[in-house]
């Protein structure tokens, strides 16, 4: 999620008209933020990137553009270099605390 933060910001603005880095957004609870993120439309920039990363149909992948292939390959390479479960849990705990703080819950 760290590397996708700019995509999240852009997608929230285009879909919901919400600017995350504003005083107004501080009233959004952590639970509401998670719900909004889960409801991101496939037509947002984040939705399109997630669709590329999660594609499993070999025929579709075969017809990716060069840019789509780059996005897909970068994601797969990142997944191959995954961190240990302990490090992952620590990072997710940290992220949750940061997001809760951002949404006024921390």
N, C-alpha and C. Protein backbone atom coordinates (compact mmCIF):
# COMPACT_ATOMS: atom_id res chain seq x y z
N UNK A 1 0.82 -1.19 0.00
CA UNK A 1 0.00 0.00 0.00
C UNK A 1 0.87 1.26 0.00
N UNK A 2 2.05 1.18 0.59
CA UNK A 2 2.92 2.35 0.63
C UNK A 2 3.20 2.86 -0.77
N UNK A 3 3.59 1.96 -1.66
CA UNK A 3 3.95 2.37 -3.01
C UNK A 3 2.75 2.81 -3.83
N UNK A 4 1.56 2.52 -3.37
CA UNK A 4 0.34 2.90 -4.10
C UNK A 4 -0.35 4.13 -3.51
N UNK A 5 0.28 4.80 -2.56
CA UNK A 5 -0.37 5.91 -1.88
C UNK A 5 -0.83 6.99 -2.86
N UNK A 6 0.01 7.36 -3.82
CA UNK A 6 -0.38 8.38 -4.80
C UNK A 6 -1.57 7.93 -5.63
N UNK A 7 -1.63 6.63 -5.94
CA UNK A 7 -2.77 6.09 -6.68
C UNK A 7 -4.04 6.16 -5.84
N UNK A 8 -3.91 5.91 -4.55
CA UNK A 8 -5.06 5.99 -3.64
C UNK A 8 -5.56 7.43 -3.58
N UNK A 9 -4.65 8.37 -3.42
CA UNK A 9 -5.03 9.78 -3.36
C UNK A 9 -5.77 10.20 -4.63
N UNK A 10 -5.21 9.85 -5.77
CA UNK A 10 -5.82 10.20 -7.05
C UNK A 10 -7.19 9.55 -7.22
N UNK A 11 -7.30 8.29 -6.84
CA UNK A 11 -8.55 7.55 -7.00
C UNK A 11 -9.64 8.08 -6.07
N UNK A 12 -9.28 8.46 -4.85
CA UNK A 12 -10.27 9.03 -3.93
C UNK A 12 -10.79 10.36 -4.48
N UNK A 13 -9.90 11.14 -5.07
CA UNK A 13 -10.33 12.42 -5.63
C UNK A 13 -11.24 12.20 -6.84
N UNK A 14 -10.85 11.31 -7.74
CA UNK A 14 -11.67 11.12 -8.94
C UNK A 14 -12.99 10.43 -8.65
N UNK A 15 -13.02 9.48 -7.74
CA UNK A 15 -14.26 8.74 -7.48
C UNK A 15 -15.16 9.43 -6.47
N UNK A 16 -14.58 9.92 -5.39
CA UNK A 16 -15.38 10.46 -4.29
C UNK A 16 -15.33 11.98 -4.18
N UNK A 17 -14.41 12.60 -4.92
CA UNK A 17 -14.24 14.04 -4.78
C UNK A 17 -13.60 14.42 -3.46
N UNK A 18 -12.93 13.47 -2.82
CA UNK A 18 -12.30 13.69 -1.52
C UNK A 18 -10.81 13.93 -1.68
N UNK A 19 -10.33 14.98 -1.07
CA UNK A 19 -8.89 15.24 -1.02
C UNK A 19 -8.41 14.73 0.33
N UNK A 20 -7.56 13.73 0.29
CA UNK A 20 -7.11 13.05 1.50
C UNK A 20 -6.27 13.97 2.39
N UNK A 21 -5.49 14.82 1.79
CA UNK A 21 -4.58 15.66 2.58
C UNK A 21 -5.22 17.00 2.94
N UNK A 22 -6.43 16.96 3.46
CA UNK A 22 -7.11 18.18 3.87
C UNK A 22 -7.64 18.04 5.29
N UNK A 23 -7.96 19.16 5.89
CA UNK A 23 -8.54 19.17 7.23
C UNK A 23 -9.88 18.44 7.23
N UNK A 24 -10.65 18.62 6.15
CA UNK A 24 -11.97 17.98 6.04
C UNK A 24 -11.86 16.45 6.15
N UNK A 25 -10.82 15.88 5.57
CA UNK A 25 -10.68 14.43 5.56
C UNK A 25 -10.34 13.87 6.93
N UNK A 26 -9.87 14.71 7.84
CA UNK A 26 -9.52 14.24 9.18
C UNK A 26 -10.72 13.67 9.93
N UNK A 27 -11.92 14.03 9.51
CA UNK A 27 -13.12 13.52 10.18
C UNK A 27 -13.50 12.11 9.72
N UNK A 28 -12.83 11.61 8.69
CA UNK A 28 -13.12 10.26 8.19
C UNK A 28 -12.50 9.24 9.14
N UNK A 29 -13.32 8.31 9.62
CA UNK A 29 -12.82 7.28 10.54
C UNK A 29 -12.00 6.25 9.77
N UNK A 30 -11.21 5.48 10.50
CA UNK A 30 -10.42 4.41 9.91
C UNK A 30 -11.31 3.40 9.21
N UNK A 31 -12.41 3.01 9.86
CA UNK A 31 -13.33 2.04 9.25
C UNK A 31 -13.94 2.59 7.97
N UNK A 32 -14.30 3.87 7.98
CA UNK A 32 -14.86 4.47 6.77
C UNK A 32 -13.81 4.51 5.66
N UNK A 33 -12.57 4.87 6.01
CA UNK A 33 -11.49 4.89 5.02
C UNK A 33 -11.33 3.52 4.38
N UNK A 34 -11.31 2.47 5.21
CA UNK A 34 -11.15 1.11 4.67
C UNK A 34 -12.31 0.76 3.74
N UNK A 35 -13.52 1.16 4.11
CA UNK A 35 -14.69 0.89 3.26
C UNK A 35 -14.60 1.64 1.94
N UNK A 36 -14.18 2.89 1.99
CA UNK A 36 -14.03 3.67 0.77
C UNK A 36 -12.96 3.06 -0.14
N UNK A 37 -11.87 2.64 0.46
CA UNK A 37 -10.79 2.02 -0.32
C UNK A 37 -11.26 0.72 -0.96
N UNK A 38 -12.00 -0.07 -0.20
CA UNK A 38 -12.50 -1.34 -0.73
C UNK A 38 -13.49 -1.12 -1.88
N UNK A 39 -14.14 0.04 -1.91
CA UNK A 39 -15.12 0.32 -2.94
C UNK A 39 -14.58 1.08 -4.14
N UNK A 40 -13.27 1.17 -4.26
CA UNK A 40 -12.69 1.89 -5.39
C UNK A 40 -13.12 1.25 -6.70
N UNK A 41 -13.56 2.06 -7.61
CA UNK A 41 -14.07 1.64 -8.91
C UNK A 41 -12.94 1.13 -9.81
N UNK A 42 -13.20 0.13 -10.62
CA UNK A 42 -12.18 -0.38 -11.54
C UNK A 42 -11.72 0.65 -12.57
N UNK A 43 -12.49 1.71 -12.75
CA UNK A 43 -12.11 2.73 -13.73
C UNK A 43 -11.20 3.81 -13.17
N UNK A 44 -10.90 3.77 -11.87
CA UNK A 44 -9.94 4.71 -11.30
C UNK A 44 -8.53 4.23 -11.64
N UNK A 45 -7.56 5.09 -11.45
CA UNK A 45 -6.18 4.71 -11.73
C UNK A 45 -5.76 3.52 -10.86
N UNK A 46 -6.15 3.52 -9.59
CA UNK A 46 -5.82 2.40 -8.72
C UNK A 46 -6.52 1.13 -9.19
N UNK A 47 -7.79 1.25 -9.56
CA UNK A 47 -8.54 0.10 -10.04
C UNK A 47 -7.92 -0.52 -11.28
N UNK A 48 -7.45 0.32 -12.19
CA UNK A 48 -6.82 -0.20 -13.42
C UNK A 48 -5.50 -0.91 -13.10
N UNK A 49 -4.71 -0.33 -12.20
CA UNK A 49 -3.43 -0.94 -11.83
C UNK A 49 -3.66 -2.27 -11.13
N UNK A 50 -4.62 -2.32 -10.21
CA UNK A 50 -4.93 -3.57 -9.50
C UNK A 50 -5.39 -4.63 -10.50
N UNK A 51 -6.19 -4.24 -11.48
CA UNK A 51 -6.66 -5.20 -12.49
C UNK A 51 -5.49 -5.79 -13.27
N UNK A 52 -4.54 -4.96 -13.63
CA UNK A 52 -3.36 -5.44 -14.36
C UNK A 52 -2.56 -6.39 -13.48
N UNK A 53 -2.31 -6.00 -12.25
CA UNK A 53 -1.51 -6.82 -11.34
C UNK A 53 -2.14 -8.17 -11.04
N UNK A 54 -3.46 -8.21 -11.00
CA UNK A 54 -4.13 -9.44 -10.58
C UNK A 54 -4.59 -10.32 -11.74
N UNK A 55 -4.29 -9.91 -12.96
CA UNK A 55 -4.72 -10.70 -14.13
C UNK A 55 -4.07 -12.08 -14.11
N UNK A 56 -4.86 -13.11 -14.38
CA UNK A 56 -4.34 -14.48 -14.42
C UNK A 56 -4.55 -15.15 -15.77
N UNK A 57 -5.34 -14.56 -16.63
CA UNK A 57 -5.62 -15.13 -17.95
C UNK A 57 -4.41 -14.93 -18.86
N UNK A 58 -3.75 -16.02 -19.21
CA UNK A 58 -2.52 -15.95 -20.00
C UNK A 58 -2.75 -15.28 -21.35
N UNK A 59 -3.93 -15.47 -21.94
CA UNK A 59 -4.21 -14.85 -23.23
C UNK A 59 -4.32 -13.33 -23.09
N UNK A 60 -4.94 -12.88 -22.01
CA UNK A 60 -5.04 -11.44 -21.76
C UNK A 60 -3.65 -10.87 -21.52
N UNK A 61 -2.86 -11.55 -20.70
CA UNK A 61 -1.51 -11.09 -20.39
C UNK A 61 -0.66 -11.02 -21.66
N UNK A 62 -0.84 -11.99 -22.53
CA UNK A 62 -0.10 -12.03 -23.80
C UNK A 62 -0.36 -10.78 -24.64
N UNK A 63 -1.53 -10.20 -24.50
CA UNK A 63 -1.90 -9.03 -25.30
C UNK A 63 -1.76 -7.71 -24.54
N UNK A 64 -1.10 -7.74 -23.39
CA UNK A 64 -0.84 -6.51 -22.65
C UNK A 64 0.00 -5.56 -23.51
N UNK A 65 -0.21 -4.27 -23.32
CA UNK A 65 0.67 -3.28 -23.93
C UNK A 65 2.01 -3.34 -23.19
N UNK A 66 3.01 -2.66 -23.72
CA UNK A 66 4.32 -2.65 -23.06
C UNK A 66 4.21 -2.07 -21.65
N UNK A 67 3.41 -1.03 -21.48
CA UNK A 67 3.25 -0.42 -20.17
C UNK A 67 2.53 -1.35 -19.20
N UNK A 68 1.49 -2.03 -19.67
CA UNK A 68 0.78 -2.99 -18.82
C UNK A 68 1.70 -4.14 -18.42
N UNK A 69 2.51 -4.60 -19.36
CA UNK A 69 3.45 -5.69 -19.09
C UNK A 69 4.47 -5.26 -18.03
N UNK A 70 4.93 -4.01 -18.14
CA UNK A 70 5.88 -3.49 -17.15
C UNK A 70 5.25 -3.48 -15.76
N UNK A 71 4.02 -2.99 -15.65
CA UNK A 71 3.31 -2.95 -14.37
C UNK A 71 3.14 -4.36 -13.82
N UNK A 72 2.72 -5.27 -14.67
CA UNK A 72 2.49 -6.67 -14.27
C UNK A 72 3.80 -7.31 -13.81
N UNK A 73 4.86 -7.13 -14.57
CA UNK A 73 6.16 -7.73 -14.23
C UNK A 73 6.74 -7.14 -12.95
N UNK A 74 6.62 -5.83 -12.79
CA UNK A 74 7.12 -5.20 -11.56
C UNK A 74 6.41 -5.76 -10.34
N UNK A 75 5.10 -5.95 -10.45
CA UNK A 75 4.32 -6.49 -9.33
C UNK A 75 4.74 -7.92 -9.02
N UNK A 76 4.89 -8.73 -10.04
CA UNK A 76 5.29 -10.13 -9.83
C UNK A 76 6.68 -10.21 -9.22
N UNK A 77 7.59 -9.38 -9.68
CA UNK A 77 8.95 -9.37 -9.12
C UNK A 77 8.93 -8.93 -7.67
N UNK A 78 8.10 -7.94 -7.36
CA UNK A 78 7.98 -7.48 -5.98
C UNK A 78 7.43 -8.59 -5.10
N UNK A 79 6.46 -9.32 -5.61
CA UNK A 79 5.87 -10.42 -4.85
C UNK A 79 6.89 -11.54 -4.63
N UNK A 80 7.75 -11.75 -5.60
CA UNK A 80 8.78 -12.79 -5.47
C UNK A 80 9.78 -12.43 -4.38
N UNK A 81 9.97 -11.16 -4.17
CA UNK A 81 10.91 -10.68 -3.16
C UNK A 81 10.21 -10.37 -1.84
N UNK A 82 9.12 -11.06 -1.58
CA UNK A 82 8.31 -10.76 -0.39
C UNK A 82 9.14 -10.82 0.88
N UNK A 83 8.69 -10.02 1.83
CA UNK A 83 9.35 -9.99 3.13
C UNK A 83 8.87 -11.15 3.99
N UNK A 84 9.56 -11.37 5.07
CA UNK A 84 9.19 -12.43 6.00
C UNK A 84 7.83 -12.13 6.61
N UNK A 85 7.11 -13.15 7.06
CA UNK A 85 5.81 -12.91 7.70
C UNK A 85 5.90 -11.95 8.89
N UNK A 86 6.97 -12.07 9.66
CA UNK A 86 7.14 -11.19 10.82
C UNK A 86 7.29 -9.73 10.37
N UNK A 87 8.14 -9.49 9.38
CA UNK A 87 8.33 -8.14 8.87
C UNK A 87 7.05 -7.61 8.26
N UNK A 88 6.35 -8.46 7.52
CA UNK A 88 5.08 -8.06 6.92
C UNK A 88 4.09 -7.61 7.99
N UNK A 89 3.96 -8.40 9.05
CA UNK A 89 3.03 -8.05 10.13
C UNK A 89 3.42 -6.74 10.81
N UNK A 90 4.72 -6.54 11.00
CA UNK A 90 5.19 -5.29 11.60
C UNK A 90 4.85 -4.10 10.70
N UNK A 91 5.08 -4.26 9.40
CA UNK A 91 4.78 -3.18 8.46
C UNK A 91 3.28 -2.88 8.40
N UNK A 92 2.47 -3.92 8.43
CA UNK A 92 1.02 -3.72 8.38
C UNK A 92 0.52 -3.06 9.67
N UNK A 93 1.08 -3.44 10.82
CA UNK A 93 0.72 -2.79 12.08
C UNK A 93 1.07 -1.30 12.03
N UNK A 94 2.26 -1.02 11.51
CA UNK A 94 2.69 0.37 11.38
C UNK A 94 1.76 1.14 10.44
N UNK A 95 1.44 0.54 9.31
CA UNK A 95 0.56 1.19 8.34
C UNK A 95 -0.82 1.45 8.96
N UNK A 96 -1.33 0.49 9.68
CA UNK A 96 -2.65 0.67 10.30
C UNK A 96 -2.62 1.81 11.32
N UNK A 97 -1.56 1.90 12.10
CA UNK A 97 -1.44 3.01 13.06
C UNK A 97 -1.37 4.35 12.34
N UNK A 98 -0.60 4.40 11.25
CA UNK A 98 -0.47 5.64 10.50
C UNK A 98 -1.80 6.06 9.86
N UNK A 99 -2.51 5.10 9.29
CA UNK A 99 -3.79 5.40 8.66
C UNK A 99 -4.82 5.81 9.71
N UNK A 100 -4.81 5.15 10.86
CA UNK A 100 -5.73 5.52 11.94
C UNK A 100 -5.43 6.94 12.41
N UNK A 101 -4.15 7.27 12.52
CA UNK A 101 -3.77 8.63 12.91
C UNK A 101 -4.25 9.63 11.87
N UNK A 102 -4.05 9.31 10.59
CA UNK A 102 -4.47 10.19 9.51
C UNK A 102 -5.98 10.42 9.55
N UNK A 103 -6.72 9.39 9.91
CA UNK A 103 -8.19 9.49 9.95
C UNK A 103 -8.71 9.91 11.31
N UNK A 104 -7.82 10.39 12.18
CA UNK A 104 -8.24 10.93 13.46
C UNK A 104 -8.47 9.89 14.55
N UNK A 105 -8.03 8.66 14.31
CA UNK A 105 -8.26 7.61 15.31
C UNK A 105 -7.04 7.22 16.09
N UNK A 106 -5.96 7.95 15.96
CA UNK A 106 -4.75 7.51 16.62
C UNK A 106 -4.19 8.49 17.48
